[in-house]
Protein backbone atom coordinates (compact mmCIF):
# COMPACT_ATOMS: atom_id res chain seq x y z
CA MET A 1 4.42 0.24 40.00
CA THR A 2 1.84 3.01 39.75
CA THR A 3 0.78 5.43 42.41
CA ASP A 4 -2.55 7.13 42.83
CA PRO A 5 -2.67 10.70 41.58
CA ILE A 6 -2.54 13.32 44.30
CA LEU A 7 -4.91 16.26 44.32
CA ASP A 8 -2.60 19.25 44.55
CA HIS A 9 -4.83 22.08 43.42
CA LEU A 10 -8.51 22.89 43.92
CA THR A 11 -10.08 26.04 42.52
CA VAL A 12 -13.71 27.07 42.74
CA PHE A 13 -14.71 29.85 40.36
CA VAL A 14 -17.58 32.09 39.38
CA ARG A 15 -17.33 34.02 36.11
CA GLY A 16 -19.49 36.77 34.73
CA LEU A 17 -21.53 37.43 37.87
CA ALA A 18 -23.58 40.55 37.14
CA VAL A 19 -24.69 42.87 39.93
CA GLU A 20 -26.13 46.38 40.01
CA ALA A 21 -24.11 48.56 42.37
CA ALA A 22 -24.10 52.15 43.53
CA ILE A 23 -20.54 52.92 42.46
CA GLY A 24 -18.51 55.78 41.11
CA ILE A 25 -16.93 59.11 41.98
CA HIS A 26 -18.37 61.34 39.27
CA ASP A 27 -21.48 63.48 39.71
CA HIS A 28 -23.38 61.55 37.03
CA GLU A 29 -22.74 58.31 38.96
CA MET A 30 -24.34 59.48 42.18
CA GLY A 31 -27.83 58.36 43.12
CA ARG A 32 -28.00 55.50 40.64
CA THR A 33 -26.71 52.00 40.14
CA GLN A 34 -24.45 50.64 37.42
CA PRO A 35 -23.68 47.12 36.29
CA LEU A 36 -20.56 45.39 37.53
CA ILE A 37 -19.30 42.08 36.17
CA ILE A 38 -17.41 39.98 38.71
CA ASP A 39 -15.07 37.04 38.20
CA ALA A 40 -13.75 35.21 41.27
CA GLU A 41 -11.33 32.29 41.59
CA LEU A 42 -10.87 30.78 45.03
CA ASP A 43 -7.95 28.44 45.65
CA LEU A 44 -8.70 26.02 48.45
CA MET A 45 -6.49 23.67 50.39
CA PRO A 46 -6.54 20.59 48.17
CA HIS A 47 -8.53 17.71 49.62
CA HIS A 48 -10.97 15.04 48.55
CA VAL A 49 -14.48 16.38 47.86
CA ASP A 50 -17.57 14.19 48.12
CA ARG A 51 -20.14 16.61 49.50
CA LEU A 52 -20.98 20.28 49.20
CA ALA A 53 -19.76 20.74 52.77
CA ASP A 54 -16.30 19.58 51.60
CA THR A 55 -15.86 22.57 49.30
CA TYR A 56 -16.74 26.25 48.95
CA ASN A 57 -20.31 26.71 47.78
CA TYR A 58 -20.09 29.09 44.84
CA GLU A 59 -23.50 30.48 45.75
CA ALA A 60 -21.65 32.10 48.64
CA VAL A 61 -19.85 34.25 46.06
CA LEU A 62 -23.20 35.69 44.99
CA ILE A 63 -24.22 36.21 48.61
CA ALA A 64 -20.97 38.08 49.34
CA ALA A 65 -21.43 40.31 46.29
CA GLU A 66 -25.05 41.08 47.18
CA ALA A 67 -24.08 41.88 50.78
CA LEU A 68 -21.42 44.32 49.60
CA VAL A 69 -23.86 46.00 47.21
CA ALA A 70 -26.38 46.30 50.05
CA GLU A 71 -23.84 48.25 52.15
CA GLY A 72 -24.33 51.23 49.84
CA HIS A 73 -22.31 53.48 47.58
CA VAL A 74 -18.66 52.67 46.91
CA GLY A 75 -16.45 55.21 45.18
CA LEU A 76 -13.96 53.05 43.33
CA VAL A 77 -14.06 49.67 41.62
CA GLU A 78 -10.74 48.92 43.32
CA THR A 79 -12.33 49.46 46.72
CA PHE A 80 -15.28 47.24 45.80
CA ALA A 81 -12.93 44.50 44.56
CA GLU A 82 -10.81 44.54 47.71
CA ARG A 83 -13.79 44.49 50.07
CA PHE A 84 -15.32 41.65 48.08
CA ALA A 85 -12.09 39.63 48.09
CA ARG A 86 -11.66 40.13 51.85
CA ALA A 87 -15.22 38.94 52.44
CA LEU A 88 -14.47 35.76 50.49
CA MET A 89 -11.26 35.23 52.46
CA ASP A 90 -13.31 35.04 55.67
CA ASP A 91 -13.57 31.32 54.90
CA VAL A 92 -10.40 29.79 56.37
CA ARG A 93 -10.34 27.04 53.73
CA ILE A 94 -9.43 29.58 51.06
CA ARG A 95 -5.70 29.96 50.42
CA SER A 96 -6.04 32.75 47.89
CA VAL A 97 -8.66 34.58 45.89
CA ARG A 98 -8.38 36.34 42.55
CA VAL A 99 -11.09 38.88 41.81
CA THR A 100 -11.76 40.88 38.65
CA VAL A 101 -14.42 43.56 38.68
CA SER A 102 -15.39 45.14 35.38
CA LYS A 103 -17.48 48.27 35.02
CA PRO A 104 -18.97 48.09 31.50
CA GLU A 105 -20.26 51.68 31.46
CA ALA A 106 -17.02 53.25 32.73
CA LEU A 107 -15.38 54.20 29.45
CA ASP A 108 -16.97 55.09 26.14
CA GLY A 109 -15.54 52.98 23.35
CA ALA A 110 -14.34 50.21 25.65
CA GLU A 111 -16.08 46.94 26.41
CA ALA A 112 -15.27 47.45 30.07
CA ALA A 113 -12.75 48.89 32.48
CA GLY A 114 -11.97 47.70 35.97
CA CYS A 115 -9.39 45.98 38.08
CA SER A 116 -8.06 42.61 39.18
CA LEU A 117 -6.47 41.73 42.48
CA THR A 118 -5.24 38.74 44.41
CA LEU A 119 -5.30 38.17 48.17
CA SER A 120 -3.56 35.21 49.75
CA ARG A 121 -2.66 33.81 53.14
């Protein structure tokens, strides 16, 4: 006797999303934008998906990032990451979100520096 597999995990992700943001606390970071690289993983309540309306449209990740950038200067990458994650969690279908924000120009000699965080219900 075989049983049908059960969908027990559904993750939507966006990796390597590049945005230009007014970010930083140092004098040389004021009045200009810098690149940020964003990775987001959104865990949804597992369910059958046939249509875009059944899932989280990953274009909404871009829209959330652009909206946050449009709000203006943010001092810390950690602040940006938390605000971004909270905006994504506005969708009640999301159980948890993992966000990594990298700031490639933050540290000479390093590919990037930044932070990762997870929010969950």
